[in-house]
Amino acid sequence: MSEFAPICIYLAISLLVSLIPLGVPFPFASNSSTYPEKLSAYECGSDPSGDARSRFDIRFYPVPILFIIPDPEVTFSFPWAVPPNKIDLFGSWSMMAFLLILTIGSLYEWKRGASDRE
């Protein structure tokens, strides 16, 4: 059982480190009922109008999809930032293939006019 003592201590400390910041504000927080402005609805300085669950036009959906594409490109490009003598030939060509696929996808979207707004 003594070989698990460091793990148990680590778990206890990590539990305390994560729970203490959650509990510290409560003794210092004021009662929110004293501020009715905090309980009121707020939307750009005016009262909310309409239903929050309204349907969006289908033209809005490609926009976030287009912004997701550069994320894997940046993420998978970080390992390629090591010195060139540390990457073998396979690593270089696999990165070139990855960038080629992303470039073809970006050119396809551009040709289809996915980022054009009417």
PDB file of N, CA and C in Angstrom:
ATOM      1  N   MET A   1       0.820  -1.191   0.000  1.00  0.00           N
ATOM      2  CA  MET A   1       0.000   0.000   0.000  1.00  0.00           C
ATOM      3  C   MET A   1       0.869   1.262   0.000  1.00  0.00           C
ATOM      4  N   SER A   2       2.070   1.168   0.499  1.00  0.00           N
ATOM      5  CA  SER A   2       2.935   2.343   0.578  1.00  0.00           C
ATOM      6  C   SER A   2       3.387   2.807  -0.799  1.00  0.00           C
ATOM      7  N   GLU A   3       3.366   1.932  -1.808  1.00  0.00           N
ATOM      8  CA  GLU A   3       3.773   2.372  -3.147  1.00  0.00           C
ATOM      9  C   GLU A   3       2.705   3.278  -3.785  1.00  0.00           C
ATOM     10  N   PHE A   4       1.479   3.240  -3.254  1.00  0.00           N
ATOM     11  CA  PHE A   4       0.421   4.102  -3.770  1.00  0.00           C
ATOM     12  C   PHE A   4       0.295   5.413  -2.999  1.00  0.00           C
ATOM     13  N   ALA A   5       1.078   5.580  -1.958  1.00  0.00           N
ATOM     14  CA  ALA A   5       0.996   6.793  -1.150  1.00  0.00           C
ATOM     15  C   ALA A   5       1.299   8.062  -1.951  1.00  0.00           C
ATOM     16  N   PRO A   6       2.341   8.092  -2.792  1.00  0.00           N
ATOM     17  CA  PRO A   6       2.579   9.319  -3.565  1.00  0.00           C
ATOM     18  C   PRO A   6       1.425   9.652  -4.518  1.00  0.00           C
ATOM     19  N   ILE A   7       0.810   8.624  -5.085  1.00  0.00           N
ATOM     20  CA  ILE A   7      -0.309   8.859  -5.991  1.00  0.00           C
ATOM     21  C   ILE A   7      -1.506   9.423  -5.224  1.00  0.00           C
ATOM     22  N   CYS A   8      -1.766   8.864  -4.032  1.00  0.00           N
ATOM     23  CA  CYS A   8      -2.869   9.358  -3.211  1.00  0.00           C
ATOM     24  C   CYS A   8      -2.622  10.793  -2.752  1.00  0.00           C
ATOM     25  N   ILE A   9      -1.392  11.103  -2.391  1.00  0.00           N
ATOM     26  CA  ILE A   9      -1.049  12.471  -1.990  1.00  0.00           C
ATOM     27  C   ILE A   9      -1.214  13.421  -3.168  1.00  0.00           C
ATOM     28  N   TYR A  10      -0.761  12.988  -4.335  1.00  0.00           N
ATOM     29  CA  TYR A  10      -0.897  13.808  -5.533  1.00  0.00           C
ATOM     30  C   TYR A  10      -2.372  14.065  -5.851  1.00  0.00           C
ATOM     31  N   LEU A  11      -3.211  13.040  -5.770  1.00  0.00           N
ATOM     32  CA  LEU A  11      -4.636  13.207  -6.032  1.00  0.00           C
ATOM     33  C   LEU A  11      -5.297  14.126  -5.011  1.00  0.00           C
ATOM     34  N   ALA A  12      -4.913  13.999  -3.742  1.00  0.00           N
ATOM     35  CA  ALA A  12      -5.487  14.857  -2.712  1.00  0.00           C
ATOM     36  C   ALA A  12      -5.079  16.315  -2.935  1.00  0.00           C
ATOM     37  N   ILE A  13      -3.820  16.552  -3.245  1.00  0.00           N
ATOM     38  CA  ILE A  13      -3.349  17.917  -3.486  1.00  0.00           C
ATOM     39  C   ILE A  13      -4.006  18.499  -4.731  1.00  0.00           C
ATOM     40  N   SER A  14      -4.116  17.704  -5.791  1.00  0.00           N
ATOM     41  CA  SER A  14      -4.744  18.217  -7.009  1.00  0.00           C
ATOM     42  C   SER A  14      -6.225  18.493  -6.788  1.00  0.00           C
ATOM     43  N   LEU A  15      -6.883  17.695  -5.966  1.00  0.00           N
ATOM     44  CA  LEU A  15      -8.282  17.949  -5.639  1.00  0.00           C
ATOM     45  C   LEU A  15      -8.425  19.256  -4.861  1.00  0.00           C
ATOM     46  N   LEU A  16      -7.537  19.475  -3.906  1.00  0.00           N
ATOM     47  CA  LEU A  16      -7.571  20.719  -3.141  1.00  0.00           C
ATOM     48  C   LEU A  16      -7.258  21.934  -4.016  1.00  0.00           C
ATOM     49  N   VAL A  17      -6.275  21.790  -4.875  1.00  0.00           N
ATOM     50  CA  VAL A  17      -5.886  22.905  -5.736  1.00  0.00           C
ATOM     51  C   VAL A  17      -7.013  23.267  -6.698  1.00  0.00           C
ATOM     52  N   SER A  18      -7.800  22.295  -7.096  1.00  0.00           N
ATOM     53  CA  SER A  18      -8.895  22.592  -8.020  1.00  0.00           C
ATOM     54  C   SER A  18     -10.160  23.037  -7.297  1.00  0.00           C
ATOM     55  N   LEU A  19     -10.403  22.602  -6.086  1.00  0.00           N
ATOM     56  CA  LEU A  19     -11.635  22.955  -5.390  1.00  0.00           C
ATOM     57  C   LEU A  19     -11.537  24.241  -4.568  1.00  0.00           C
ATOM     58  N   ILE A  20     -10.363  24.550  -4.066  1.00  0.00           N
ATOM     59  CA  ILE A  20     -10.207  25.773  -3.262  1.00  0.00           C
ATOM     60  C   ILE A  20     -10.532  27.025  -4.080  1.00  0.00           C
ATOM     61  N   PRO A  21     -10.037  27.183  -5.309  1.00  0.00           N
ATOM     62  CA  PRO A  21     -10.416  28.385  -6.065  1.00  0.00           C
ATOM     63  C   PRO A  21     -11.913  28.461  -6.366  1.00  0.00           C
ATOM     64  N   LEU A  22     -12.588  27.325  -6.394  1.00  0.00           N
ATOM     65  CA  LEU A  22     -14.032  27.364  -6.607  1.00  0.00           C
ATOM     66  C   LEU A  22     -14.780  27.831  -5.370  1.00  0.00           C
ATOM     67  N   GLY A  23     -14.250  27.544  -4.194  1.00  0.00           N
ATOM     68  CA  GLY A  23     -14.950  27.882  -2.964  1.00  0.00           C
ATOM     69  C   GLY A  23     -14.566  29.203  -2.344  1.00  0.00           C
ATOM     70  N   VAL A  24     -13.415  29.752  -2.705  1.00  0.00           N
ATOM     71  CA  VAL A  24     -12.938  30.994  -2.096  1.00  0.00           C
ATOM     72  C   VAL A  24     -13.875  32.173  -2.350  1.00  0.00           C
ATOM     73  N   PRO A  25     -14.467  32.352  -3.515  1.00  0.00           N
ATOM     74  CA  PRO A  25     -15.297  33.545  -3.736  1.00  0.00           C
ATOM     75  C   PRO A  25     -16.597  33.575  -2.939  1.00  0.00           C
ATOM     76  N   PHE A  26     -17.116  32.447  -2.513  1.00  0.00           N
ATOM     77  CA  PHE A  26     -18.420  32.427  -1.855  1.00  0.00           C
ATOM     78  C   PHE A  26     -18.485  33.243  -0.566  1.00  0.00           C
ATOM     79  N   PRO A  27     -17.497  33.207   0.325  1.00  0.00           N
ATOM     80  CA  PRO A  27     -17.613  34.055   1.519  1.00  0.00           C
ATOM     81  C   PRO A  27     -17.557  35.551   1.210  1.00  0.00           C
ATOM     82  N   PHE A  28     -16.934  35.911   0.101  1.00  0.00           N
ATOM     83  CA  PHE A  28     -16.772  37.317  -0.239  1.00  0.00           C
ATOM     84  C   PHE A  28     -17.859  37.834  -1.174  1.00  0.00           C
ATOM     85  N   ALA A  29     -18.664  36.938  -1.737  1.00  0.00           N
ATOM     86  CA  ALA A  29     -19.691  37.348  -2.704  1.00  0.00           C
ATOM     87  C   ALA A  29     -20.873  37.982  -1.982  1.00  0.00           C
ATOM     88  N   SER A  30     -21.446  38.980  -2.607  1.00  0.00           N
ATOM     89  CA  SER A  30     -22.627  39.608  -2.032  1.00  0.00           C
ATOM     90  C   SER A  30     -23.870  38.896  -2.554  1.00  0.00           C
ATOM     91  N   ASN A  31     -24.957  39.150  -1.894  1.00  0.00           N
ATOM     92  CA  ASN A  31     -26.219  38.543  -2.298  1.00  0.00           C
ATOM     93  C   ASN A  31     -26.675  39.188  -3.608  1.00  0.00           C
ATOM     94  N   SER A  32     -26.924  38.376  -4.629  1.00  0.00           N
ATOM     95  CA  SER A  32     -27.269  38.924  -5.937  1.00  0.00           C
ATOM     96  C   SER A  32     -28.664  39.524  -5.965  1.00  0.00           C
ATOM     97  N   SER A  33     -29.493  39.230  -4.963  1.00  0.00           N
ATOM     98  CA  SER A  33     -30.841  39.808  -4.962  1.00  0.00           C
ATOM     99  C   SER A  33     -30.815  41.292  -4.631  1.00  0.00           C
ATOM    100  N   THR A  34     -29.701  41.788  -4.120  1.00  0.00           N
ATOM    101  CA  THR A  34     -29.608  43.213  -3.832  1.00  0.00           C
ATOM    102  C   THR A  34     -29.387  44.029  -5.105  1.00  0.00           C
ATOM    103  N   TYR A  35     -29.017  43.368  -6.207  1.00  0.00           N
ATOM    104  CA  TYR A  35     -28.777  44.047  -7.472  1.00  0.00           C
ATOM    105  C   TYR A  35     -29.773  43.531  -8.512  1.00  0.00           C
ATOM    106  N   PRO A  36     -30.928  44.149  -8.643  1.00  0.00           N
ATOM    107  CA  PRO A  36     -31.908  43.652  -9.611  1.00  0.00           C
ATOM    108  C   PRO A  36     -31.438  43.788 -11.057  1.00  0.00           C
ATOM    109  N   GLU A  37     -30.487  44.692 -11.308  1.00  0.00           N
ATOM    110  CA  GLU A  37     -29.973  44.833 -12.671  1.00  0.00           C
ATOM    111  C   GLU A  37     -29.249  43.574 -13.122  1.00  0.00           C
ATOM    112  N   LYS A  38     -28.618  42.892 -12.168  1.00  0.00           N
ATOM    113  CA  LYS A  38     -27.904  41.675 -12.529  1.00  0.00           C
ATOM    114  C   LYS A  38     -28.850  40.541 -12.890  1.00  0.00           C
ATOM    115  N   LEU A  39     -30.044  40.576 -12.366  1.00  0.00           N
ATOM    116  CA  LEU A  39     -31.003  39.520 -12.640  1.00  0.00           C
ATOM    117  C   LEU A  39     -31.822  39.789 -13.892  1.00  0.00           C
ATOM    118  N   SER A  40     -31.744  40.987 -14.444  1.00  0.00           N
ATOM    119  CA  SER A  40     -32.542  41.309 -15.622  1.00  0.00           C
ATOM    120  C   SER A  40     -31.861  40.775 -16.883  1.00  0.00           C
ATOM    121  N   ALA A  41     -32.683  40.552 -17.911  1.00  0.00           N
ATOM    122  CA  ALA A  41     -32.150  40.090 -19.195  1.00  0.00           C
ATOM    123  C   ALA A  41     -31.414  41.234 -19.875  1.00  0.00           C
ATOM    124  N   TYR A  42     -30.333  40.927 -20.537  1.00  0.00           N
ATOM    125  CA  TYR A  42     -29.528  41.949 -21.184  1.00  0.00           C
ATOM    126  C   TYR A  42     -29.095  41.447 -22.548  1.00  0.00           C
ATOM    127  N   GLU A  43     -29.394  42.224 -23.565  1.00  0.00           N
ATOM    128  CA  GLU A  43     -28.971  41.868 -24.904  1.00  0.00           C
ATOM    129  C   GLU A  43     -28.632  43.143 -25.659  1.00  0.00           C
ATOM    130  N   CYS A  44     -27.388  43.482 -25.700  1.00  0.00           N
ATOM    131  CA  CYS A  44     -26.908  44.661 -26.422  1.00  0.00           C
ATOM    132  C   CYS A  44     -27.581  45.944 -25.953  1.00  0.00           C
ATOM    133  N   GLY A  45     -27.874  46.043 -24.690  1.00  0.00           N
ATOM    134  CA  GLY A  45     -28.441  47.260 -24.157  1.00  0.00           C
ATOM    135  C   GLY A  45     -29.943  47.386 -24.297  1.00  0.00           C
ATOM    136  N   SER A  46     -30.574  46.398 -24.882  1.00  0.00           N
ATOM    137  CA  SER A  46     -32.027  46.464 -25.032  1.00  0.00           C
ATOM    138  C   SER A  46     -32.638  45.138 -24.580  1.00  0.00           C
ATOM    139  N   ASP A  47     -33.940  45.173 -24.354  1.00  0.00           N
ATOM    140  CA  ASP A  47     -34.619  43.943 -23.953  1.00  0.00           C
ATOM    141  C   ASP A  47     -34.582  42.936 -25.090  1.00  0.00           C
ATOM    142  N   PRO A  48     -34.449  41.662 -24.755  1.00  0.00           N
ATOM    143  CA  PRO A  48     -34.400  40.655 -25.814  1.00  0.00           C
ATOM    144  C   PRO A  48     -35.721  40.592 -26.579  1.00  0.00           C
ATOM    145  N   SER A  49     -35.609  40.364 -27.862  1.00  0.00           N
ATOM    146  CA  SER A  49     -36.810  40.257 -28.694  1.00  0.00           C
ATOM    147  C   SER A  49     -36.703  38.989 -29.535  1.00  0.00           C
ATOM    148  N   GLY A  50     -37.807  38.327 -29.727  1.00  0.00           N
ATOM    149  CA  GLY A  50     -37.820  37.124 -30.545  1.00  0.00           C
ATOM    150  C   GLY A  50     -37.427  35.892 -29.757  1.00  0.00           C
ATOM    151  N   ASP A  51     -37.432  34.793 -30.453  1.00  0.00           N
ATOM    152  CA  ASP A  51     -37.106  33.505 -29.848  1.00  0.00           C
ATOM    153  C   ASP A  51     -35.618  33.220 -30.032  1.00  0.00           C
ATOM    154  N   ALA A  52     -34.983  32.749 -28.997  1.00  0.00           N
ATOM    155  CA  ALA A  52     -33.554  32.430 -29.077  1.00  0.00           C
ATOM    156  C   ALA A  52     -33.306  31.166 -29.877  1.00  0.00           C
ATOM    157  N   ARG A  53     -34.334  30.382 -30.095  1.00  0.00           N
ATOM    158  CA  ARG A  53     -34.180  29.117 -30.807  1.00  0.00           C
ATOM    159  C   ARG A  53     -34.653  29.203 -32.254  1.00  0.00           C
ATOM    160  N   SER A  54     -34.493  30.359 -32.863  1.00  0.00           N
ATOM    161  CA  SER A  54     -34.921  30.519 -34.251  1.00  0.00           C
ATOM    162  C   SER A  54     -33.948  29.793 -35.169  1.00  0.00           C
ATOM    163  N   ARG A  55     -34.419  29.460 -36.343  1.00  0.00           N
ATOM    164  CA  ARG A  55     -33.586  28.735 -37.306  1.00  0.00           C
ATOM    165  C   ARG A  55     -32.674  29.707 -38.050  1.00  0.00           C
ATOM    166  N   PHE A  56     -31.466  29.239 -38.328  1.00  0.00           N
ATOM    167  CA  PHE A  56     -30.518  30.025 -39.096  1.00  0.00           C
ATOM    168  C   PHE A  56     -30.601  29.626 -40.560  1.00  0.00           C
ATOM    169  N   ASP A  57     -30.280  30.562 -41.392  1.00  0.00           N
ATOM    170  CA  ASP A  57     -30.214  30.270 -42.814  1.00  0.00           C
ATOM    171  C   ASP A  57     -29.018  29.351 -43.074  1.00  0.00           C
ATOM    172  N   ILE A  58     -29.138  28.466 -44.026  1.00  0.00           N
ATOM    173  CA  ILE A  58     -28.092  27.484 -44.311  1.00  0.00           C
ATOM    174  C   ILE A  58     -26.800  28.163 -44.770  1.00  0.00           C
ATOM    175  N   ARG A  59     -26.884  29.392 -45.249  1.00  0.00           N
ATOM    176  CA  ARG A  59     -25.678  30.089 -45.722  1.00  0.00           C
ATOM    177  C   ARG A  59     -24.728  30.452 -44.586  1.00  0.00           C
ATOM    178  N   PHE A  60     -25.197  30.405 -43.334  1.00  0.00           N
ATOM    179  CA  PHE A  60     -24.332  30.747 -42.213  1.00  0.00           C
ATOM    180  C   PHE A  60     -23.436  29.578 -41.796  1.00  0.00           C
ATOM    181  N   TYR A  61     -23.771  28.359 -42.139  1.00  0.00           N
ATOM    182  CA  TYR A  61     -23.031  27.201 -41.667  1.00  0.00           C
ATOM    183  C   TYR A  61     -21.662  27.013 -42.320  1.00  0.00           C
ATOM    184  N   PRO A  62     -21.452  27.341 -43.598  1.00  0.00           N
ATOM    185  CA  PRO A  62     -20.091  27.183 -44.152  1.00  0.00           C
ATOM    186  C   PRO A  62     -19.057  28.085 -43.505  1.00  0.00           C
ATOM    187  N   VAL A  63     -19.486  29.201 -42.931  1.00  0.00           N
ATOM    188  CA  VAL A  63     -18.521  30.141 -42.346  1.00  0.00           C
ATOM    189  C   VAL A  63     -17.728  29.492 -41.208  1.00  0.00           C
ATOM    190  N   PRO A  64     -18.386  28.881 -40.190  1.00  0.00           N
ATOM    191  CA  PRO A  64     -17.557  28.252 -39.153  1.00  0.00           C
ATOM    192  C   PRO A  64     -16.768  27.059 -39.662  1.00  0.00           C
ATOM    193  N   ILE A  65     -17.296  26.366 -40.659  1.00  0.00           N
ATOM    194  CA  ILE A  65     -16.550  25.228 -41.209  1.00  0.00           C
ATOM    195  C   ILE A  65     -15.276  25.720 -41.885  1.00  0.00           C
ATOM    196  N   LEU A  66     -15.362  26.870 -42.568  1.00  0.00           N
ATOM    197  CA  LEU A  66     -14.172  27.417 -43.219  1.00  0.00           C
ATOM    198  C   LEU A  66     -13.127  27.861 -42.198  1.00  0.00           C
ATOM    199  N   PHE A  67     -13.575  28.280 -41.013  1.00  0.00           N
ATOM    200  CA  PHE A  67     -12.620  28.699 -39.998  1.00  0.00           C
ATOM    201  C   PHE A  67     -12.013  27.526 -39.247  1.00  0.00           C
ATOM    202  N   ILE A  68     -12.606  26.357 -39.325  1.00  0.00           N
ATOM    203  CA  ILE A  68     -12.059  25.178 -38.654  1.00  0.00           C
ATOM    204  C   ILE A  68     -10.886  24.599 -39.442  1.00  0.00           C
ATOM    205  N   ILE A  69     -10.858  24.795 -40.745  1.00  0.00           N
ATOM    206  CA  ILE A  69      -9.835  24.177 -41.588  1.00  0.00           C
ATOM    207  C   ILE A  69      -8.407  24.575 -41.204  1.00  0.00           C
ATOM    208  N   PRO A  70      -8.089  25.844 -40.906  1.00  0.00           N
ATOM    209  CA  PRO A  70      -6.699  26.159 -40.555  1.00  0.00           C
ATOM    210  C   PRO A  70      -6.243  25.574 -39.220  1.00  0.00           C
ATOM    211  N   ASP A  71      -7.168  25.181 -38.354  1.00  0.00           N
ATOM    212  CA  ASP A  71      -6.769  24.657 -37.041  1.00  0.00           C
ATOM    213  C   ASP A  71      -5.914  23.397 -37.131  1.00  0.00           C
ATOM    214  N   PRO A  72      -6.332  22.355 -37.857  1.00  0.00           N
ATOM    215  CA  PRO A  72      -5.433  21.187 -37.934  1.00  0.00           C
ATOM    216  C   PRO A  72      -4.146  21.495 -38.670  1.00  0.00           C
ATOM    217  N   GLU A  73      -4.212  22.434 -39.605  1.00  0.00           N
ATOM    218  CA  GLU A  73      -2.997  22.801 -40.321  1.00  0.00           C
ATOM    219  C   GLU A  73      -1.952  23.375 -39.364  1.00  0.00           C
ATOM    220  N   VAL A  74      -2.376  24.256 -38.497  1.00  0.00           N
ATOM    221  CA  VAL A  74      -1.452  24.849 -37.533  1.00  0.00           C
ATOM    222  C   VAL A  74      -1.011  23.807 -36.510  1.00  0.00           C
ATOM    223  N   THR A  75      -1.958  23.004 -36.043  1.00  0.00           N
ATOM    224  CA  THR A  75      -1.640  22.002 -35.022  1.00  0.00           C
ATOM    225  C   THR A  75      -0.624  20.992 -35.518  1.00  0.00           C
ATOM    226  N   PHE A  76      -0.832  20.482 -36.724  1.00  0.00           N
ATOM    227  CA  PHE A  76       0.069  19.459 -37.234  1.00  0.00           C
ATOM    228  C   PHE A  76       1.338  20.038 -37.838  1.00  0.00           C
ATOM    229  N   SER A  77       1.424  21.357 -37.958  1.00  0.00           N
ATOM    230  CA  SER A  77       2.653  21.971 -38.453  1.00  0.00           C
ATOM    231  C   SER A  77       3.668  22.209 -37.345  1.00  0.00           C
ATOM    232  N   PHE A  78       3.253  22.204 -36.093  1.00  0.00           N
ATOM    233  CA  PHE A  78       4.186  22.437 -34.991  1.00  0.00           C
ATOM    234  C   PHE A  78       5.322  21.407 -34.938  1.00  0.00           C
ATOM    235  N   PRO A  79       5.063  20.102 -35.091  1.00  0.00           N
ATOM    236  CA  PRO A  79       6.197  19.169 -35.055  1.00  0.00           C
ATOM    237  C   PRO A  79       7.184  19.381 -36.196  1.00  0.00           C
ATOM    238  N   TRP A  80       6.749  20.038 -37.246  1.00  0.00           N
ATOM    239  CA  TRP A  80       7.618  20.278 -38.388  1.00  0.00           C
ATOM    240  C   TRP A  80       8.572  21.435 -38.132  1.00  0.00           C
ATOM    241  N   ALA A  81       8.391  22.129 -37.000  1.00  0.00           N
ATOM    242  CA  ALA A  81       9.214  23.296 -36.680  1.00  0.00           C
ATOM    243  C   ALA A  81      10.521  22.917 -35.995  1.00  0.00           C
ATOM    244  N   VAL A  82      10.853  21.638 -35.958  1.00  0.00           N
ATOM    245  CA  VAL A  82      12.131  21.208 -35.386  1.00  0.00           C
ATOM    246  C   VAL A  82      13.243  21.481 -36.392  1.00  0.00           C
ATOM    247  N   PRO A  83      14.486  21.466 -35.972  1.00  0.00           N
ATOM    248  CA  PRO A  83      15.569  21.711 -36.927  1.00  0.00           C
ATOM    249  C   PRO A  83      15.529  20.713 -38.091  1.00  0.00           C
ATOM    250  N   PRO A  84      15.858  21.165 -39.291  1.00  0.00           N
ATOM    251  CA  PRO A  84      15.743  20.306 -40.481  1.00  0.00           C
ATOM    252  C   PRO A  84      16.570  19.030 -40.416  1.00  0.00           C
ATOM    253  N   ASN A  85      17.677  19.034 -39.695  1.00  0.00           N
ATOM    254  CA  ASN A  85      18.490  17.821 -39.637  1.00  0.00           C
ATOM    255  C   ASN A  85      17.898  16.760 -38.710  1.00  0.00           C
ATOM    256  N   LYS A  86      16.853  17.116 -37.961  1.00  0.00           N
ATOM    257  CA  LYS A  86      16.205  16.147 -37.076  1.00  0.00           C
ATOM    258  C   LYS A  86      15.056  15.405 -37.764  1.00  0.00           C
ATOM    259  N   ILE A  87      14.569  15.937 -38.885  1.00  0.00           N
ATOM    260  CA  ILE A  87      13.472  15.304 -39.617  1.00  0.00           C
ATOM    261  C   ILE A  87      14.057  14.436 -40.722  1.00  0.00           C
ATOM    262  N   ASP A  88      13.585  13.194 -40.779  1.00  0.00           N
ATOM    263  CA  ASP A  88      14.063  12.337 -41.855  1.00  0.00           C
ATOM    264  C   ASP A  88      13.256  12.613 -43.124  1.00  0.00           C
ATOM    265  N   LEU A  89      13.549  11.897 -44.189  1.00  0.00           N
ATOM    266  CA  LEU A  89      12.899  12.115 -45.477  1.00  0.00           C
ATOM    267  C   LEU A  89      11.405  11.797 -45.416  1.00  0.00           C
ATOM    268  N   PHE A  90      11.039  10.761 -44.668  1.00  0.00           N
ATOM    269  CA  PHE A  90       9.632  10.395 -44.541  1.00  0.00           C
ATOM    270  C   PHE A  90       8.834  11.501 -43.860  1.00  0.00           C
ATOM    271  N   GLY A  91       9.396  12.104 -42.816  1.00  0.00           N
ATOM    272  CA  GLY A  91       8.711  13.190 -42.118  1.00  0.00           C
ATOM    273  C   GLY A  91       8.501  14.400 -43.008  1.00  0.00           C
ATOM    274  N   SER A  92       9.490  14.718 -43.829  1.00  0.00           N
ATOM    275  CA  SER A  92       9.371  15.867 -44.727  1.00  0.00           C
ATOM    276  C   SER A  92       8.299  15.633 -45.787  1.00  0.00           C
ATOM    277  N   TRP A  93       8.319  14.447 -46.393  1.00  0.00           N
ATOM    278  CA  TRP A  93       7.351  14.175 -47.453  1.00  0.00           C
ATOM    279  C   TRP A  93       5.939  13.985 -46.911  1.00  0.00           C
ATOM    280  N   SER A  94       5.809  13.441 -45.717  1.00  0.00           N
ATOM    281  CA  SER A  94       4.463  13.316 -45.156  1.00  0.00           C
ATOM    282  C   SER A  94       3.881  14.690 -44.836  1.00  0.00           C
ATOM    283  N   MET A  95       4.708  15.612 -44.394  1.00  0.00           N
ATOM    284  CA  MET A  95       4.230  16.971 -44.143  1.00  0.00           C
ATOM    285  C   MET A  95       3.879  17.668 -45.448  1.00  0.00           C
ATOM    286  N   MET A  96       4.670  17.443 -46.489  1.00  0.00           N
ATOM    287  CA  MET A  96       4.349  18.027 -47.793  1.00  0.00           C
ATOM    288  C   MET A  96       3.024  17.474 -48.320  1.00  0.00           C
ATOM    289  N   ALA A  97       2.781  16.179 -48.125  1.00  0.00           N
ATOM    290  CA  ALA A  97       1.512  15.594 -48.562  1.00  0.00           C
ATOM    291  C   ALA A  97       0.349  16.193 -47.777  1.00  0.00           C
ATOM    292  N   PHE A  98       0.529  16.377 -46.488  1.00  0.00           N
ATOM    293  CA  PHE A  98      -0.514  16.977 -45.650  1.00  0.00           C
ATOM    294  C   PHE A  98      -0.824  18.394 -46.100  1.00  0.00           C
ATOM    295  N   LEU A  99       0.199  19.188 -46.347  1.00  0.00           N
ATOM    296  CA  LEU A  99      -0.010  20.561 -46.803  1.00  0.00           C
ATOM    297  C   LEU A  99      -0.614  20.600 -48.201  1.00  0.00           C
ATOM    298  N   LEU A 100      -0.271  19.637 -49.055  1.00  0.00           N
ATOM    299  CA  LEU A 100      -0.848  19.567 -50.389  1.00  0.00           C
ATOM    300  C   LEU A 100      -2.349  19.283 -50.318  1.00  0.00           C
ATOM    301  N   ILE A 101      -2.746  18.356 -49.452  1.00  0.00           N
ATOM    302  CA  ILE A 101      -4.174  18.045 -49.292  1.00  0.00           C
ATOM    303  C   ILE A 101      -4.932  19.263 -48.783  1.00  0.00           C
ATOM    304  N   LEU A 102      -4.383  19.966 -47.813  1.00  0.00           N
ATOM    305  CA  LEU A 102      -5.044  21.166 -47.309  1.00  0.00           C
ATOM    306  C   LEU A 102      -5.099  22.268 -48.354  1.00  0.00           C
ATOM    307  N   THR A 103      -4.061  22.392 -49.160  1.00  0.00           N
ATOM    308  CA  THR A 103      -4.052  23.403 -50.216  1.00  0.00           C
ATOM    309  C   THR A 103      -5.091  23.079 -51.273  1.00  0.00           C
ATOM    310  N   ILE A 104      -5.209  21.816 -51.646  1.00  0.00           N
ATOM    311  CA  ILE A 104      -6.217  21.416 -52.632  1.00  0.00           C
ATOM    312  C   ILE A 104      -7.621  21.694 -52.087  1.00  0.00           C
ATOM    313  N   GLY A 105      -7.847  21.398 -50.812  1.00  0.00           N
ATOM    314  CA  GLY A 105      -9.147  21.677 -50.207  1.00  0.00           C
ATOM    315  C   GLY A 105      -9.453  23.163 -50.174  1.00  0.00           C
ATOM    316  N   SER A 106      -8.459  23.980 -49.848  1.00  0.00           N
ATOM    317  CA  SER A 106      -8.667  25.437 -49.812  1.00  0.00           C
ATOM    318  C   SER A 106      -8.932  25.987 -51.209  1.00  0.00           C
ATOM    319  N   LEU A 107      -8.212  25.496 -52.218  1.00  0.00           N
ATOM    320  CA  LEU A 107      -8.447  25.938 -53.589  1.00  0.00           C
ATOM    321  C   LEU A 107      -9.828  25.508 -54.076  1.00  0.00           C
ATOM    322  N   TYR A 108     -10.265  24.314 -53.693  1.00  0.00           N
ATOM    323  CA  TYR A 108     -11.595  23.835 -54.058  1.00  0.00           C
ATOM    324  C   TYR A 108     -12.679  24.736 -53.459  1.00  0.00           C
ATOM    325  N   GLU A 109     -12.516  25.089 -52.193  1.00  0.00           N
ATOM    326  CA  GLU A 109     -13.490  25.982 -51.554  1.00  0.00           C
ATOM    327  C   GLU A 109     -13.490  27.358 -52.204  1.00  0.00           C
ATOM    328  N   TRP A 110     -12.327  27.836 -52.531  1.00  0.00           N
ATOM    329  CA  TRP A 110     -12.219  29.151 -53.157  1.00  0.00           C
ATOM    330  C   TRP A 110     -12.885  29.144 -54.533  1.00  0.00           C
ATOM    331  N   LYS A 111     -12.655  28.045 -55.305  1.00  0.00           N
ATOM    332  CA  LYS A 111     -13.233  27.932 -56.642  1.00  0.00           C
ATOM    333  C   LYS A 111     -14.751  27.831 -56.571  1.00  0.00           C
ATOM    334  N   ARG A 112     -15.268  27.137 -55.569  1.00  0.00           N
ATOM    335  CA  ARG A 112     -16.714  26.983 -55.406  1.00  0.00           C
ATOM    336  C   ARG A 112     -17.365  28.239 -54.865  1.00  0.00           C
ATOM    337  N   GLY A 113     -16.578  29.183 -54.391  1.00  0.00           N
ATOM    338  CA  GLY A 113     -17.127  30.437 -53.881  1.00  0.00           C
ATOM    339  C   GLY A 113     -17.723  30.294 -52.487  1.00  0.00           C
ATOM    340  N   ALA A 114     -17.146  29.419 -51.668  1.00  0.00           N
ATOM    341  CA  ALA A 114     -17.693  29.166 -50.339  1.00  0.00           C
ATOM    342  C   ALA A 114     -17.562  30.380 -49.426  1.00  0.00           C
ATOM    343  N   SER A 115     -16.559  31.198 -49.639  1.00  0.00           N
ATOM    344  CA  SER A 115     -16.387  32.348 -48.766  1.00  0.00           C
ATOM    345  C   SER A 115     -17.020  33.621 -49.331  1.00  0.00           C
ATOM    346  N   ASP A 116     -17.651  33.529 -50.502  1.00  0.00           N
ATOM    347  CA  ASP A 116     -18.311  34.699 -51.075  1.00  0.00           C
ATOM    348  C   ASP A 116     -19.629  34.970 -50.360  1.00  0.00           C
ATOM    349  N   ARG A 117     -19.890  36.223 -50.138  1.00  0.00           N
ATOM    350  CA  ARG A 117     -21.158  36.627 -49.512  1.00  0.00           C
ATOM    351  C   ARG A 117     -21.947  37.425 -50.524  1.00  0.00           C
ATOM    352  N   GLU A 118     -23.248  37.173 -50.577  1.00  0.00           N
ATOM    353  CA  GLU A 118     -24.059  37.961 -51.487  1.00  0.00           C
ATOM    354  C   GLU A 118     -24.745  39.102 -50.808  1.00  0.00           C
TER     355      GLU A 118
END
